[in-house]
């Protein structure tokens, strides 16, 4: 039983980084505002505001005390601009 608990804790430790992933230019966030917000939330980001701007989905977020914004192309789901402030 103790071994099972250790195995489970180890498994959870390996799974955790996927949820606490950092955004990169290659991160696919989604093609709709709701998809983008859900993906960011699942990654551990707190979504503060989302809107359409210049044809892109613009989302303001907070993570680990840092604020940032990301622009996503709704046709591809790809990040076009990422700006994180310290």
C-alpha atoms as a PDB file:
ATOM      1  CA  UNK A   1       0.000   0.000   0.000  1.00  0.00           C
ATOM      2  CA  UNK A   2       2.857   2.364   0.823  1.00  0.00           C
ATOM      3  CA  UNK A   3       4.519   1.522  -2.488  1.00  0.00           C
ATOM      4  CA  UNK A   4       1.276   2.305  -4.305  1.00  0.00           C
ATOM      5  CA  UNK A   5       1.132   5.744  -2.644  1.00  0.00           C
ATOM      6  CA  UNK A   6       4.753   6.470  -3.570  1.00  0.00           C
ATOM      7  CA  UNK A   7       4.096   5.416  -7.171  1.00  0.00           C
ATOM      8  CA  UNK A   8       1.023   7.666  -7.320  1.00  0.00           C
ATOM      9  CA  UNK A   9       2.921  10.660  -5.892  1.00  0.00           C
ATOM     10  CA  UNK A  10       5.744  10.072  -8.389  1.00  0.00           C
ATOM     11  CA  UNK A  11       3.259   9.845 -11.256  1.00  0.00           C
ATOM     12  CA  UNK A  12       1.580  13.075 -10.179  1.00  0.00           C
ATOM     13  CA  UNK A  13       4.950  14.836  -9.966  1.00  0.00           C
ATOM     14  CA  UNK A  14       5.686  13.914 -13.586  1.00  0.00           C
ATOM     15  CA  UNK A  15       2.210  14.918 -14.771  1.00  0.00           C
ATOM     16  CA  UNK A  16       2.244  18.321 -13.048  1.00  0.00           C
ATOM     17  CA  UNK A  17       4.611  20.187 -15.430  1.00  0.00           C
ATOM     18  CA  UNK A  18       2.198  19.680 -18.327  1.00  0.00           C
ATOM     19  CA  UNK A  19      -0.411  21.706 -16.456  1.00  0.00           C
ATOM     20  CA  UNK A  20       2.058  24.372 -15.332  1.00  0.00           C
ATOM     21  CA  UNK A  21       3.517  24.777 -18.800  1.00  0.00           C
ATOM     22  CA  UNK A  22       4.906  28.095 -19.887  1.00  0.00           C
ATOM     23  CA  UNK A  23       3.681  29.789 -23.010  1.00  0.00           C
ATOM     24  CA  UNK A  24       5.987  29.725 -26.007  1.00  0.00           C
ATOM     25  CA  UNK A  25       5.557  30.908 -29.572  1.00  0.00           C
ATOM     26  CA  UNK A  26       4.725  27.284 -30.480  1.00  0.00           C
ATOM     27  CA  UNK A  27       1.887  26.884 -27.975  1.00  0.00           C
ATOM     28  CA  UNK A  28      -1.440  26.253 -29.699  1.00  0.00           C
ATOM     29  CA  UNK A  29      -4.106  27.957 -27.591  1.00  0.00           C
ATOM     30  CA  UNK A  30      -7.248  27.560 -29.679  1.00  0.00           C
ATOM     31  CA  UNK A  31      -9.228  29.231 -32.430  1.00  0.00           C
ATOM     32  CA  UNK A  32     -11.978  30.818 -30.316  1.00  0.00           C
ATOM     33  CA  UNK A  33     -11.837  33.151 -27.344  1.00  0.00           C
ATOM     34  CA  UNK A  34     -13.368  30.441 -25.112  1.00  0.00           C
ATOM     35  CA  UNK A  35     -10.817  27.844 -26.253  1.00  0.00           C
ATOM     36  CA  UNK A  36      -7.943  30.248 -25.600  1.00  0.00           C
ATOM     37  CA  UNK A  37      -9.257  31.141 -22.128  1.00  0.00           C
ATOM     38  CA  UNK A  38      -9.803  27.455 -21.244  1.00  0.00           C
ATOM     39  CA  UNK A  39      -6.329  26.442 -22.438  1.00  0.00           C
ATOM     40  CA  UNK A  40      -4.671  29.254 -20.466  1.00  0.00           C
ATOM     41  CA  UNK A  41      -6.683  28.407 -17.341  1.00  0.00           C
ATOM     42  CA  UNK A  42      -5.737  24.721 -17.680  1.00  0.00           C
ATOM     43  CA  UNK A  43      -2.072  25.791 -17.923  1.00  0.00           C
ATOM     44  CA  UNK A  44      -2.346  27.615 -14.604  1.00  0.00           C
ATOM     45  CA  UNK A  45      -2.879  31.143 -15.891  1.00  0.00           C
ATOM     46  CA  UNK A  46      -5.513  33.443 -14.418  1.00  0.00           C
ATOM     47  CA  UNK A  47      -7.373  35.077 -17.295  1.00  0.00           C
ATOM     48  CA  UNK A  48      -8.245  38.698 -16.509  1.00  0.00           C
ATOM     49  CA  UNK A  49      -9.654  39.975 -19.797  1.00  0.00           C
ATOM     50  CA  UNK A  50     -10.217  38.733 -23.336  1.00  0.00           C
ATOM     51  CA  UNK A  51     -11.248  40.656 -26.428  1.00  0.00           C
ATOM     52  CA  UNK A  52     -10.856  40.793 -30.190  1.00  0.00           C
ATOM     53  CA  UNK A  53      -8.296  43.300 -31.414  1.00  0.00           C
ATOM     54  CA  UNK A  54      -7.101  43.790 -34.994  1.00  0.00           C
ATOM     55  CA  UNK A  55      -8.532  40.399 -35.950  1.00  0.00           C
ATOM     56  CA  UNK A  56      -6.649  38.585 -33.176  1.00  0.00           C
ATOM     57  CA  UNK A  57      -7.858  37.180 -29.869  1.00  0.00           C
ATOM     58  CA  UNK A  58      -6.178  39.264 -27.161  1.00  0.00           C
ATOM     59  CA  UNK A  59      -6.033  37.846 -23.634  1.00  0.00           C
ATOM     60  CA  UNK A  60      -4.609  39.466 -20.513  1.00  0.00           C
ATOM     61  CA  UNK A  61      -3.436  37.037 -17.843  1.00  0.00           C
ATOM     62  CA  UNK A  62      -1.624  36.723 -14.512  1.00  0.00           C
ATOM     63  CA  UNK A  63       0.643  33.875 -13.410  1.00  0.00           C
ATOM     64  CA  UNK A  64       3.044  33.725 -10.471  1.00  0.00           C
ATOM     65  CA  UNK A  65       2.458  37.425  -9.842  1.00  0.00           C
ATOM     66  CA  UNK A  66       3.453  38.361 -13.407  1.00  0.00           C
ATOM     67  CA  UNK A  67       0.997  40.018 -15.763  1.00  0.00           C
ATOM     68  CA  UNK A  68       1.048  39.466 -19.474  1.00  0.00           C
ATOM     69  CA  UNK A  69      -0.898  39.493 -22.671  1.00  0.00           C
ATOM     70  CA  UNK A  70      -1.067  37.137 -25.584  1.00  0.00           C
ATOM     71  CA  UNK A  71      -2.440  37.593 -29.087  1.00  0.00           C
ATOM     72  CA  UNK A  72      -3.751  34.526 -30.926  1.00  0.00           C
ATOM     73  CA  UNK A  73      -4.596  34.174 -34.613  1.00  0.00           C
ATOM     74  CA  UNK A  74      -8.157  32.727 -34.663  1.00  0.00           C
ATOM     75  CA  UNK A  75      -7.563  31.084 -38.052  1.00  0.00           C
ATOM     76  CA  UNK A  76      -4.565  29.020 -36.927  1.00  0.00           C
ATOM     77  CA  UNK A  77      -4.817  28.998 -33.105  1.00  0.00           C
ATOM     78  CA  UNK A  78      -1.170  30.074 -32.992  1.00  0.00           C
ATOM     79  CA  UNK A  79       0.332  32.824 -30.851  1.00  0.00           C
ATOM     80  CA  UNK A  80       1.230  35.919 -32.862  1.00  0.00           C
ATOM     81  CA  UNK A  81       2.494  38.024 -29.954  1.00  0.00           C
ATOM     82  CA  UNK A  82       3.384  37.264 -26.329  1.00  0.00           C
ATOM     83  CA  UNK A  83       4.289  39.918 -23.795  1.00  0.00           C
ATOM     84  CA  UNK A  84       4.982  39.078 -20.144  1.00  0.00           C
ATOM     85  CA  UNK A  85       5.768  41.861 -17.708  1.00  0.00           C
ATOM     86  CA  UNK A  86       7.884  41.222 -14.620  1.00  0.00           C
END
